[in-house]
Protein backbone atom coordinates (compact mmCIF):
# COMPACT_ATOMS: atom_id res chain seq x y z
CA MET A 1 190.56 218.51 127.08
CA PRO A 2 193.72 216.62 128.12
CA LYS A 3 193.34 214.64 131.32
CA ILE A 4 196.35 214.56 133.65
CA LEU A 5 196.83 212.28 136.67
CA TYR A 6 199.54 213.23 139.18
CA VAL A 7 200.56 210.60 141.76
CA ASP A 8 202.67 211.70 144.74
CA ASP A 9 202.62 210.75 148.42
CA GLU A 10 203.46 214.29 149.59
CA ASN A 11 200.25 216.30 150.07
CA ASP A 12 201.83 219.74 149.68
CA ILE A 13 203.66 218.84 146.46
CA ARG A 14 200.51 217.19 145.06
CA GLU A 15 198.49 220.33 145.80
CA ILE A 16 201.10 222.63 144.25
CA ALA A 17 201.26 220.45 141.14
CA GLU A 18 197.49 220.39 140.83
CA MET A 19 197.25 224.18 141.09
CA ALA A 20 200.16 224.62 138.67
CA LEU A 21 198.62 222.27 136.09
CA GLU A 22 195.24 223.94 136.40
CA LEU A 23 196.88 227.18 135.22
CA GLU A 24 196.37 225.57 131.82
CA GLU A 25 192.59 225.86 131.64
CA SER A 26 192.26 223.05 129.13
CA PHE A 27 193.71 220.45 131.53
CA GLU A 28 191.47 218.26 133.63
CA VAL A 29 193.61 217.27 136.62
CA ARG A 30 193.21 214.51 139.19
CA THR A 31 195.65 213.47 141.90
CA ALA A 32 196.33 210.38 143.98
CA ALA A 33 198.40 209.89 147.15
CA SER A 34 199.80 206.43 146.37
CA GLY A 35 200.69 204.18 143.50
CA GLN A 36 197.79 201.83 144.19
CA ALA A 37 195.29 204.70 144.45
CA GLY A 38 196.74 206.15 141.25
CA LEU A 39 196.22 202.92 139.35
CA GLU A 40 192.64 202.62 140.57
CA LEU A 41 191.89 206.23 139.63
CA ALA A 42 193.59 205.81 136.25
CA ARG A 43 191.28 202.94 135.36
CA SER A 44 188.19 205.11 135.76
CA PHE A 45 189.65 208.50 134.77
CA GLN A 46 191.65 207.22 131.75
CA PRO A 47 194.18 210.09 131.73
CA ASP A 48 196.01 211.21 128.63
CA LEU A 49 199.18 211.40 130.74
CA MET A 50 200.25 210.10 134.15
CA MET A 51 202.89 211.80 136.28
CA LEU A 52 204.50 209.52 138.87
CA ASP A 53 206.68 210.46 141.82
CA VAL A 54 209.53 207.95 141.89
CA MET A 55 210.00 207.67 145.65
CA MET A 56 206.77 206.73 147.43
CA PRO A 57 206.23 204.32 150.33
CA GLY A 58 204.68 200.98 149.52
CA MET A 59 204.31 200.97 145.75
CA ASP A 60 206.95 203.35 144.41
CA GLY A 61 206.75 205.07 141.04
CA ILE A 62 208.74 202.40 139.22
CA SER A 63 206.45 199.64 140.57
CA THR A 64 203.41 201.73 139.66
CA PHE A 65 204.82 202.20 136.16
CA GLY A 66 205.29 198.43 135.82
CA ALA A 67 201.79 197.69 137.05
CA ALA A 68 200.34 200.22 134.59
CA ARG A 69 202.27 198.66 131.70
CA ASN A 70 200.93 195.21 132.66
CA ASP A 71 197.30 196.41 132.85
CA PRO A 72 195.60 196.38 129.42
CA ALA A 73 193.41 199.33 130.46
CA LEU A 74 196.46 201.46 131.30
CA ALA A 75 199.27 200.08 129.16
CA ASP A 76 199.16 202.80 126.51
CA ILE A 77 198.98 205.83 128.83
CA PRO A 78 202.18 207.90 128.53
CA ILE A 79 203.99 208.25 131.86
CA VAL A 80 206.33 211.01 133.03
CA PHE A 81 208.37 210.51 136.19
CA VAL A 82 208.79 213.33 138.70
CA THR A 83 211.91 212.90 140.81
CA ALA A 84 214.70 214.54 142.74
CA ARG A 85 217.03 211.83 141.41
CA THR A 86 218.18 213.55 138.25
CA GLN A 87 221.74 212.37 137.71
CA THR A 88 222.27 211.38 134.09
CA HIS A 89 222.33 207.63 134.77
CA GLN A 90 219.20 207.83 136.94
CA VAL A 91 217.25 209.67 134.23
CA ALA A 92 218.56 207.22 131.62
CA GLU A 93 217.31 204.27 133.70
CA LEU A 94 213.82 205.78 133.89
CA MET A 95 213.78 206.49 130.17
CA GLU A 96 214.93 202.92 129.42
CA LEU A 97 211.85 201.65 131.26
CA GLY A 98 209.76 203.42 128.62
CA ALA A 99 208.91 206.70 130.33
CA LEU A 100 207.92 209.58 128.09
CA GLY A 101 210.11 211.90 130.16
CA VAL A 102 211.41 213.00 133.53
CA ILE A 103 210.60 216.21 135.37
CA PRO A 104 213.09 217.19 138.09
CA LYS A 105 211.91 217.87 141.62
CA PRO A 106 211.53 220.52 142.76
CA PHE A 107 209.65 221.50 139.61
CA ASP A 108 208.85 225.08 138.68
CA PRO A 109 205.10 225.57 139.27
CA LEU A 110 205.04 228.42 136.76
CA THR A 111 206.29 226.22 133.90
CA LEU A 112 204.88 222.81 134.87
CA ALA A 113 201.80 223.13 132.64
CA GLU A 114 204.03 224.15 129.70
CA ASP A 115 206.28 221.15 130.37
CA ILE A 116 203.29 218.83 130.30
CA GLU A 117 201.93 220.45 127.13
CA ALA A 118 205.27 219.72 125.47
CA PHE A 119 205.02 216.05 126.44
CA LEU A 120 201.47 215.89 125.05
CA ALA A 121 202.45 217.50 121.74
């Protein structure tokens, strides 16, 4: 059962994402409201994939990504960014960091689980 962790500071988007991902019955989904909370949860949950919102107060998605890569317990977890910043150069910058992919915001709740399945394949 693939474990997915979605980190986003916006409650409504986090809830929609969680419901959308749970449409795929094989996914075990957890969410966190901040980068720091996401890192703490990731250490105990050990997800197969992390989804990070790029723009969050405090520790943004890029900082969270960096912290995960520098943590031996989290360094190998694939990370997908979720962002409204989807111009070609912005996506390229995220991919150059080592992200597995980028999902544009707003995402389609009806296809989000399929998108994540493709990243896990």
